[in-house]
């Protein structure tokens, strides 16, 4: 039911995009730091 709320859905989508970007940055950071 909550998914029918466009504002909440957009917010969740935004959070999902941000978290995946953070994960990519962290993975790149870890890869670059490893010898």
PDB file of N, CA and C in Angstrom:
ATOM      1  N   UNK A   1       0.837  -1.204   0.000  1.00  0.00           N
ATOM      2  CA  UNK A   1       0.000   0.000   0.000  1.00  0.00           C
ATOM      3  C   UNK A   1       0.871   1.252   0.000  1.00  0.00           C
ATOM      4  N   UNK A   2       1.933   1.230   0.830  1.00  0.00           N
ATOM      5  CA  UNK A   2       2.800   2.414   0.906  1.00  0.00           C
ATOM      6  C   UNK A   2       3.481   2.711  -0.432  1.00  0.00           C
ATOM      7  N   UNK A   3       3.683   1.655  -1.261  1.00  0.00           N
ATOM      8  CA  UNK A   3       4.368   1.842  -2.543  1.00  0.00           C
ATOM      9  C   UNK A   3       3.528   2.680  -3.501  1.00  0.00           C
ATOM     10  N   UNK A   4       2.234   2.819  -3.228  1.00  0.00           N
ATOM     11  CA  UNK A   4       1.381   3.624  -4.105  1.00  0.00           C
ATOM     12  C   UNK A   4       1.581   5.117  -3.855  1.00  0.00           C
ATOM     13  N   UNK A   5       2.321   5.447  -2.802  1.00  0.00           N
ATOM     14  CA  UNK A   5       2.616   6.848  -2.504  1.00  0.00           C
ATOM     15  C   UNK A   5       3.818   7.273  -3.351  1.00  0.00           C
ATOM     16  N   UNK A   6       3.607   8.141  -4.357  1.00  0.00           N
ATOM     17  CA  UNK A   6       4.697   8.509  -5.288  1.00  0.00           C
ATOM     18  C   UNK A   6       5.880   9.156  -4.578  1.00  0.00           C
ATOM     19  N   UNK A   7       5.615   9.991  -3.586  1.00  0.00           N
ATOM     20  CA  UNK A   7       6.705  10.666  -2.878  1.00  0.00           C
ATOM     21  C   UNK A   7       7.582   9.658  -2.160  1.00  0.00           C
ATOM     22  N   UNK A   8       6.951   8.728  -1.467  1.00  0.00           N
ATOM     23  CA  UNK A   8       7.713   7.729  -0.730  1.00  0.00           C
ATOM     24  C   UNK A   8       8.476   6.828  -1.684  1.00  0.00           C
ATOM     25  N   UNK A   9       7.831   6.491  -2.803  1.00  0.00           N
ATOM     26  CA  UNK A   9       8.494   5.623  -3.775  1.00  0.00           C
ATOM     27  C   UNK A   9       9.720   6.327  -4.354  1.00  0.00           C
ATOM     28  N   UNK A  10       9.584   7.600  -4.681  1.00  0.00           N
ATOM     29  CA  UNK A  10      10.726   8.353  -5.213  1.00  0.00           C
ATOM     30  C   UNK A  10      11.840   8.431  -4.180  1.00  0.00           C
ATOM     31  N   UNK A  11      11.458   8.631  -2.909  1.00  0.00           N
ATOM     32  CA  UNK A  11      12.459   8.726  -1.847  1.00  0.00           C
ATOM     33  C   UNK A  11      13.204   7.411  -1.710  1.00  0.00           C
ATOM     34  N   UNK A  12      12.467   6.294  -1.737  1.00  0.00           N
ATOM     35  CA  UNK A  12      13.112   4.986  -1.620  1.00  0.00           C
ATOM     36  C   UNK A  12      14.028   4.738  -2.812  1.00  0.00           C
ATOM     37  N   UNK A  13      13.572   5.149  -3.998  1.00  0.00           N
ATOM     38  CA  UNK A  13      14.393   4.968  -5.201  1.00  0.00           C
ATOM     39  C   UNK A  13      15.678   5.779  -5.071  1.00  0.00           C
ATOM     40  N   UNK A  14      15.536   7.007  -4.562  1.00  0.00           N
ATOM     41  CA  UNK A  14      16.698   7.870  -4.383  1.00  0.00           C
ATOM     42  C   UNK A  14      17.677   7.247  -3.396  1.00  0.00           C
ATOM     43  N   UNK A  15      17.151   6.720  -2.286  1.00  0.00           N
ATOM     44  CA  UNK A  15      18.006   6.073  -1.288  1.00  0.00           C
ATOM     45  C   UNK A  15      18.714   4.865  -1.892  1.00  0.00           C
ATOM     46  N   UNK A  16      18.000   4.106  -2.714  1.00  0.00           N
ATOM     47  CA  UNK A  16      18.595   2.917  -3.326  1.00  0.00           C
ATOM     48  C   UNK A  16      19.736   3.327  -4.250  1.00  0.00           C
ATOM     49  N   UNK A  17      19.536   4.391  -5.022  1.00  0.00           N
ATOM     50  CA  UNK A  17      20.581   4.868  -5.932  1.00  0.00           C
ATOM     51  C   UNK A  17      21.784   5.357  -5.134  1.00  0.00           C
ATOM     52  N   UNK A  18      21.528   6.119  -4.076  1.00  0.00           N
ATOM     53  CA  UNK A  18      22.625   6.640  -3.265  1.00  0.00           C
ATOM     54  C   UNK A  18      23.406   5.518  -2.608  1.00  0.00           C
ATOM     55  N   UNK A  19      22.709   4.525  -2.087  1.00  0.00           N
ATOM     56  CA  UNK A  19      23.405   3.433  -1.407  1.00  0.00           C
ATOM     57  C   UNK A  19      24.238   2.626  -2.394  1.00  0.00           C
ATOM     58  N   UNK A  20      23.718   2.432  -3.620  1.00  0.00           N
ATOM     59  CA  UNK A  20      24.503   1.688  -4.607  1.00  0.00           C
ATOM     60  C   UNK A  20      25.714   2.504  -5.048  1.00  0.00           C
ATOM     61  N   UNK A  21      25.560   3.826  -5.145  1.00  0.00           N
ATOM     62  CA  UNK A  21      26.706   4.675  -5.485  1.00  0.00           C
ATOM     63  C   UNK A  21      27.748   4.619  -4.380  1.00  0.00           C
ATOM     64  N   UNK A  22      27.295   4.676  -3.123  1.00  0.00           N
ATOM     65  CA  UNK A  22      28.230   4.588  -1.997  1.00  0.00           C
ATOM     66  C   UNK A  22      28.964   3.258  -2.022  1.00  0.00           C
ATOM     67  N   UNK A  23      28.248   2.185  -2.356  1.00  0.00           N
ATOM     68  CA  UNK A  23      28.884   0.873  -2.394  1.00  0.00           C
ATOM     69  C   UNK A  23      29.926   0.838  -3.510  1.00  0.00           C
ATOM     70  N   UNK A  24      29.606   1.411  -4.662  1.00  0.00           N
ATOM     71  CA  UNK A  24      30.570   1.439  -5.764  1.00  0.00           C
ATOM     72  C   UNK A  24      31.813   2.227  -5.367  1.00  0.00           C
ATOM     73  N   UNK A  25      31.599   3.392  -4.735  1.00  0.00           N
ATOM     74  CA  UNK A  25      32.744   4.202  -4.311  1.00  0.00           C
ATOM     75  C   UNK A  25      33.591   3.444  -3.301  1.00  0.00           C
ATOM     76  N   UNK A  26      32.934   2.758  -2.362  1.00  0.00           N
ATOM     77  CA  UNK A  26      33.671   2.018  -1.338  1.00  0.00           C
ATOM     78  C   UNK A  26      34.437   0.867  -1.970  1.00  0.00           C
ATOM     79  N   UNK A  27      33.817   0.178  -2.937  1.00  0.00           N
ATOM     80  CA  UNK A  27      34.505  -0.932  -3.610  1.00  0.00           C
ATOM     81  C   UNK A  27      35.709  -0.412  -4.386  1.00  0.00           C
ATOM     82  N   UNK A  28      35.535   0.691  -5.110  1.00  0.00           N
ATOM     83  CA  UNK A  28      36.657   1.270  -5.844  1.00  0.00           C
ATOM     84  C   UNK A  28      37.763   1.694  -4.887  1.00  0.00           C
ATOM     85  N   UNK A  29      37.388   2.284  -3.762  1.00  0.00           N
ATOM     86  CA  UNK A  29      38.361   2.714  -2.758  1.00  0.00           C
ATOM     87  C   UNK A  29      39.128   1.515  -2.215  1.00  0.00           C
ATOM     88  N   UNK A  30      38.408   0.445  -1.905  1.00  0.00           N
ATOM     89  CA  UNK A  30      39.055  -0.756  -1.363  1.00  0.00           C
ATOM     90  C   UNK A  30      39.983  -1.382  -2.397  1.00  0.00           C
ATOM     91  N   UNK A  31      39.531  -1.420  -3.644  1.00  0.00           N
ATOM     92  CA  UNK A  31      40.347  -2.015  -4.708  1.00  0.00           C
ATOM     93  C   UNK A  31      41.610  -1.180  -4.922  1.00  0.00           C
ATOM     94  N   UNK A  32      41.452   0.144  -4.943  1.00  0.00           N
ATOM     95  CA  UNK A  32      42.604   1.012  -5.175  1.00  0.00           C
ATOM     96  C   UNK A  32      43.576   0.989  -4.002  1.00  0.00           C
ATOM     97  N   UNK A  33      43.074   0.777  -2.798  1.00  0.00           N
ATOM     98  CA  UNK A  33      43.952   0.760  -1.629  1.00  0.00           C
ATOM     99  C   UNK A  33      44.695  -0.556  -1.493  1.00  0.00           C
ATOM    100  N   UNK A  34      44.112  -1.634  -1.999  1.00  0.00           N
ATOM    101  CA  UNK A  34      44.776  -2.935  -1.856  1.00  0.00           C
ATOM    102  C   UNK A  34      46.028  -2.972  -2.719  1.00  0.00           C
ATOM    103  N   UNK A  35      47.077  -3.615  -2.271  1.00  0.00           N
ATOM    104  CA  UNK A  35      48.353  -3.649  -2.993  1.00  0.00           C
ATOM    105  C   UNK A  35      48.254  -4.432  -4.304  1.00  0.00           C
TER     106      UNK A  35
END
